[in-house]
Amino acid sequence: SDTTIAASDIAAVDALTTGAVSAATVTTITGTNTEVLAAYALNTATTTTGLANEAITVSDAVTVAQANALNALTTGAVTATISEGDMATLAGLTETGHAYTVTVTDTTATGLSLTQLDAKTTVAVNASAVTTITGTLAQVDAALDANAATPATITGLSDVAVTYTGNATMAELITLDGLTTGLITGATAVDATALLLADNGATPPVNTGLVT
């Protein structure tokens, strides 16, 4: 009748009887990745029944592939620390809404890949290792906005260098400059260079450092 149960306890109870064990009241399963998988294997074998929509909390770090295998077992949210940190591998996370603790290890990432990763976990993405983000102005701005949000859903981007593609207005550049202390590199659609040296068109112009 417990709503939260250790996966190892499910296996222990299952081993005590030749009849099917009903786990229909369980709402949360905890344990190591191996223990959780073993519990759901019993459910597949029908010696334990009723598992399909529980939240899962895994005590050891798991790979992206292991996280995907866990979330395929249940419609509930999976809470886990992801052991891998490169963006190419992290992009392989297949679902959203899970509580994955993720630490990015790449030093360069696209704004789009960061926001896509952010959407896959309810825990703030640790991007402290990232020193440069790239992408369109909208993509890099979205990643920096997530870093500046309260609460932040991405962390560690307040001093990153930014390289954006496409054009930017003076107002957009000033906004972007306010989101990071790092160097901003890209094109601009503003015709009058003098305007770029002005802080929102102040008189007299104030050099913001956006253009040298």
Protein backbone atom coordinates (compact mmCIF):
# COMPACT_ATOMS: atom_id res chain seq x y z
CA SER A 1 0.00 0.00 0.00
CA ASP A 2 3.06 2.30 0.11
CA THR A 3 3.09 5.06 -2.50
CA THR A 4 6.88 5.44 -2.48
CA ILE A 5 8.95 2.27 -2.53
CA ALA A 6 12.51 1.19 -3.17
CA ALA A 7 12.94 -0.85 -6.32
CA SER A 8 14.91 -3.42 -4.33
CA ASP A 9 11.90 -3.90 -2.04
CA ILE A 10 9.70 -4.66 -5.03
CA ALA A 11 12.13 -7.41 -6.03
CA ALA A 12 12.28 -8.72 -2.46
CA VAL A 13 8.50 -8.97 -2.12
CA ASP A 14 8.19 -10.50 -5.58
CA ALA A 15 10.63 -13.25 -4.56
CA LEU A 16 8.51 -14.16 -1.52
CA THR A 17 5.46 -15.35 -3.42
CA THR A 18 4.52 -17.33 -6.49
CA GLY A 19 1.49 -15.10 -6.99
CA ALA A 20 1.47 -11.76 -8.77
CA VAL A 21 2.33 -8.77 -6.57
CA SER A 22 0.19 -5.70 -7.21
CA ALA A 23 2.12 -2.42 -7.16
CA ALA A 24 -0.82 -0.38 -8.43
CA THR A 25 -0.70 2.05 -5.48
CA VAL A 26 2.96 2.91 -6.01
CA THR A 27 3.52 6.47 -7.28
CA THR A 28 7.32 6.75 -6.86
CA ILE A 29 10.10 4.19 -7.25
CA THR A 30 13.62 4.84 -5.99
CA GLY A 31 16.94 3.03 -6.33
CA THR A 32 19.93 2.54 -8.56
CA ASN A 33 19.46 2.27 -12.30
CA THR A 34 20.02 -1.51 -12.12
CA GLU A 35 17.48 -1.92 -9.30
CA VAL A 36 14.83 0.12 -11.10
CA LEU A 37 15.29 -1.83 -14.33
CA ALA A 38 14.98 -5.09 -12.38
CA ALA A 39 11.69 -3.97 -10.82
CA TYR A 40 10.20 -3.12 -14.19
CA ALA A 41 11.47 -6.41 -15.63
CA LEU A 42 9.30 -8.14 -13.03
CA ASN A 43 6.38 -6.02 -14.21
CA THR A 44 7.04 -7.14 -17.79
CA ALA A 45 7.14 -10.74 -16.58
CA THR A 46 3.81 -10.08 -14.76
CA THR A 47 5.06 -11.48 -11.46
CA THR A 48 4.65 -7.87 -10.29
CA THR A 49 1.86 -5.79 -11.85
CA GLY A 50 0.64 -2.22 -11.96
CA LEU A 51 3.83 -0.39 -12.91
CA ALA A 52 3.53 2.08 -15.79
CA ASN A 53 3.00 5.64 -14.56
CA GLU A 54 5.28 6.09 -11.55
CA ALA A 55 7.84 8.78 -10.94
CA ILE A 56 11.35 7.32 -10.88
CA THR A 57 14.23 8.68 -8.80
CA VAL A 58 17.60 7.13 -9.64
CA SER A 59 20.36 7.37 -7.06
CA ASP A 60 23.34 6.84 -9.36
CA ALA A 61 24.34 8.83 -12.45
CA VAL A 62 23.04 7.51 -15.76
CA THR A 63 23.99 7.95 -19.40
CA VAL A 64 21.67 9.55 -21.93
CA ALA A 65 20.84 6.10 -23.31
CA GLN A 66 20.02 4.83 -19.82
CA ALA A 67 17.84 7.88 -19.11
CA ASN A 68 15.91 7.25 -22.32
CA ALA A 69 15.43 3.61 -21.32
CA LEU A 70 14.09 4.68 -17.93
CA ASN A 71 11.63 7.21 -19.29
CA ALA A 72 10.34 4.58 -21.72
CA LEU A 73 9.24 2.48 -18.73
CA THR A 74 6.84 5.03 -17.27
CA THR A 75 4.71 8.04 -18.07
CA GLY A 76 5.93 9.60 -14.83
CA ALA A 77 8.85 11.98 -14.46
CA VAL A 78 12.37 10.61 -14.11
CA THR A 79 14.75 12.29 -11.66
CA ALA A 80 18.40 11.54 -12.44
CA THR A 81 21.87 12.98 -12.89
CA ILE A 82 23.17 12.60 -16.44
CA SER A 83 26.78 11.41 -16.50
CA GLU A 84 27.58 12.76 -19.98
CA GLY A 85 28.12 16.42 -20.74
CA ASP A 86 28.88 16.97 -24.43
CA MET A 87 26.09 18.68 -26.34
CA ALA A 88 26.05 16.14 -29.17
CA THR A 89 25.24 13.32 -26.75
CA LEU A 90 22.86 15.38 -24.61
CA ALA A 91 20.86 16.19 -27.75
CA GLY A 92 19.88 12.51 -27.72
CA LEU A 93 17.60 12.92 -24.69
CA THR A 94 14.25 11.93 -26.16
CA GLU A 95 11.64 13.41 -23.84
CA THR A 96 10.78 16.60 -21.97
CA GLY A 97 9.49 17.20 -18.45
CA HIS A 98 12.02 15.08 -16.58
CA ALA A 99 14.18 16.33 -13.69
CA TYR A 100 17.58 15.73 -15.20
CA THR A 101 20.62 17.32 -13.56
CA VAL A 102 22.84 18.18 -16.52
CA THR A 103 26.31 19.74 -16.59
CA VAL A 104 27.51 20.79 -20.04
CA THR A 105 31.22 20.12 -20.65
CA ASP A 106 31.60 21.73 -24.11
CA THR A 107 33.23 25.16 -24.22
CA THR A 108 31.32 26.20 -27.35
CA ALA A 109 27.60 25.62 -27.87
CA THR A 110 24.87 26.99 -30.07
CA GLY A 111 22.12 29.02 -28.51
CA LEU A 112 19.58 26.70 -30.09
CA SER A 113 21.11 23.52 -28.65
CA LEU A 114 21.19 25.08 -25.18
CA THR A 115 17.53 26.10 -25.24
CA GLN A 116 16.54 22.70 -26.66
CA LEU A 117 18.38 21.00 -23.80
CA ASP A 118 16.79 23.41 -21.34
CA ALA A 119 13.35 22.29 -22.55
CA LYS A 120 14.13 18.65 -21.73
CA THR A 121 14.65 19.12 -18.00
CA THR A 122 12.93 20.91 -15.16
CA VAL A 123 16.30 21.43 -13.44
CA ALA A 124 18.49 24.38 -14.46
CA VAL A 125 21.15 23.36 -16.99
CA ASN A 126 24.68 24.04 -15.73
CA ALA A 127 26.49 25.63 -18.68
CA SER A 128 29.40 27.12 -16.71
CA ALA A 129 31.96 25.41 -18.96
CA VAL A 130 30.60 27.21 -22.03
CA THR A 131 32.71 30.21 -23.00
CA THR A 132 31.20 30.93 -26.44
CA ILE A 133 27.71 30.62 -27.82
CA THR A 134 26.81 30.93 -31.48
CA GLY A 135 23.70 31.16 -33.65
CA THR A 136 21.21 33.68 -34.92
CA LEU A 137 20.56 36.75 -32.82
CA ALA A 138 17.24 35.29 -31.63
CA GLN A 139 18.85 31.95 -30.70
CA VAL A 140 21.72 33.41 -28.66
CA ASP A 141 19.37 35.92 -27.06
CA ALA A 142 17.01 33.12 -25.98
CA ALA A 143 19.84 31.22 -24.28
CA LEU A 144 21.05 34.36 -22.49
CA ASP A 145 17.49 35.21 -21.46
CA ALA A 146 17.17 31.75 -19.88
CA ASN A 147 20.37 32.50 -17.95
CA ALA A 148 19.05 35.89 -16.81
CA ALA A 149 15.57 34.64 -15.86
CA THR A 150 14.35 34.38 -12.28
CA PRO A 151 14.70 31.58 -11.60
CA ALA A 152 17.32 30.84 -14.24
CA THR A 153 16.74 27.71 -16.31
CA ILE A 154 20.29 27.82 -17.71
CA THR A 155 23.21 28.96 -15.54
CA GLY A 156 26.79 30.04 -16.19
CA LEU A 157 26.34 32.21 -19.29
CA SER A 158 26.72 35.70 -17.83
CA ASP A 159 30.27 36.14 -19.19
CA VAL A 160 30.19 34.17 -22.45
CA ALA A 161 31.43 35.49 -25.78
CA VAL A 162 28.70 35.64 -28.42
CA THR A 163 29.02 35.21 -32.18
CA TYR A 164 25.73 35.79 -33.95
CA THR A 165 24.72 35.48 -37.60
CA GLY A 166 22.44 37.85 -39.48
CA ASN A 167 21.86 41.51 -38.68
CA ALA A 168 21.06 43.29 -35.45
CA THR A 169 19.64 46.69 -34.68
CA MET A 170 21.24 49.08 -32.24
CA ALA A 171 18.57 48.30 -29.64
CA GLU A 172 19.13 44.55 -30.05
CA LEU A 173 22.88 44.94 -29.62
CA ILE A 174 22.45 46.99 -26.47
CA THR A 175 20.04 44.37 -25.08
CA LEU A 176 22.47 41.58 -25.92
CA ASP A 177 25.34 43.52 -24.35
CA GLY A 178 23.36 43.74 -21.13
CA LEU A 179 23.08 39.94 -20.92
CA THR A 180 26.79 39.10 -21.02
CA THR A 181 30.11 40.71 -20.17
CA GLY A 182 31.76 38.73 -22.98
CA LEU A 183 32.73 39.96 -26.43
CA ILE A 184 29.90 40.19 -28.98
CA THR A 185 30.82 39.52 -32.60
CA GLY A 186 28.48 39.81 -35.58
CA ALA A 187 26.94 41.96 -38.27
CA THR A 188 24.63 44.93 -37.86
CA ALA A 189 21.74 46.34 -39.83
CA VAL A 190 22.21 49.86 -38.44
CA ASP A 191 23.33 52.20 -41.23
CA ALA A 192 24.70 55.06 -39.16
CA THR A 193 27.76 53.77 -37.28
CA ALA A 194 27.61 56.77 -34.99
CA LEU A 195 24.32 55.52 -33.60
CA LEU A 196 26.02 52.36 -32.44
CA LEU A 197 28.29 54.42 -30.23
CA ALA A 198 25.32 56.02 -28.52
CA ASP A 199 23.61 54.59 -25.49
CA ASN A 200 20.04 54.37 -26.82
CA GLY A 201 20.59 57.58 -28.78
CA ALA A 202 21.77 59.64 -25.82
CA THR A 203 22.94 63.19 -26.38
CA PRO A 204 25.87 63.57 -26.26
CA PRO A 205 26.58 60.01 -27.49
CA VAL A 206 27.98 57.62 -24.90
CA ASN A 207 30.37 54.92 -26.17
CA THR A 208 28.97 51.58 -25.06
CA GLY A 209 31.93 49.58 -26.30
CA LEU A 210 29.72 47.62 -28.69
CA VAL A 211 31.62 48.97 -31.69
CA THR A 212 35.26 49.99 -31.87
